[in-house]
Amino acid sequence: MLENKTLLKIKDKKNLLAFSGGADSTALFFLLLKHNIPFDIAIVNYGVREQSKEEVAYAQELAKTHNLKCHIFNAPKIEQNFEAAAREIRYNFFEELILKYKYENLLTAHHLGDRFEWMLMQFCKGAGCAEIAGMQKEQNRGIYTLIRPLLHLDKKELLAYLHADEKIYFEDESNLDEDIKRNAFRHNYSLPLLEKYLGGIKKSFEYLDEDRSQLVEEIEIKTVEELAYFKSSQNRRADIFAIDKYLKSKLYMLSANERELLKTEITIVAGRKFLVVQDRGFVFIAPFLQEKAEMPHKFKEECRVLKIEPKLRPYLYKNKDAFLKIRELLTAI
């Protein structure tokens, strides 16, 4: 069920599986074992369901049985915006483990249904071909690669695999809550369409992936401290796609309005967290510091001469290496 190309990417690598005890991640767990892929597992307990204790216990049992490490994080109580906050907590935990234990790949159990559901949501918000292509099987995130080995498989195929081998897995009852937007899209739109047109949808994603490779120029993003930068492709759509991709790696998703602003504005503040500056053939992305820093006259004068965006200066003042890199780039123009 796993594609040979994916198996080659993860074979003999240090892999971390994002595990939940649900059908998707349990199927991936046993498929990795079947193909003798080395991996450990990580699970987050959000403490909002009684069943979550059983899921953690199941993860520990599987890890012990198969001689794997099982990393567990008990999340603090989430007061609002549960979906977004849970995702941030989850990926922060995974990335801490990746840094500590030197994992090379993070494996997640996103499948075709997840991808199709995401595509429909993006289409209804307003998106281009690159955004509609949505989740990719592989995404370089700098210190690790995010790999989704099940992206070509439908949930029904995963369930058939689990049932054939009588594997235990858990159903998260919150997936039935249609007050959650993605659940509403899943139950009302993506599942009925997948039921009727699975073969065509799979083929469409194959075409989308081919087209996306032609439409979207891959841009190398470099970093110094927390400053990210790249040379503009001179294609505003491609630049915005690269900005969006980088911010997603930092667990921030651009709004539709922010995407529109990036088409016309040189500088925007995204979510009061990130500053994006498109200046003189370069794109800079840095944390947005709202506090007013007391900067010496010499530094301010140098920034003025270099015509550095004023909103960017507080961050550069506190991060010398980032300032030196920007100075180097702008003086070389």
Foldseek 3Di string as FASTA:
>chain_A
DFDPVVCVVQAPFEEEEEDQLALQSLLVVVVCVVVVGDYAYEYEAAPPDPCSVVRLVVSVVVCVVVVHDYHYHYDDHDDDPVVLVVVLVSVVVVVVCCVVVVGAEYEYRDAQLNLCLQLVVCVVQDDDLLCSLPDDQWDDLPSHIYGHRHHLDDSVVSVVVCVVVVHGGDDDPCLCDVVPPSSVSSVPPSVVCCVPQVVVSSVVSVVSVVVNPVVADDWDWDDDPQKIKGFDPVDLVNVLVVVQSNVVSVSAHAHPVNSVCSVPPQWDQGPQFWIWGNPDRMIMIGGFDPDDDDDDPVLVVLCVVLVPDPRCSVVCRVRVVVVVVSSVVSVVD
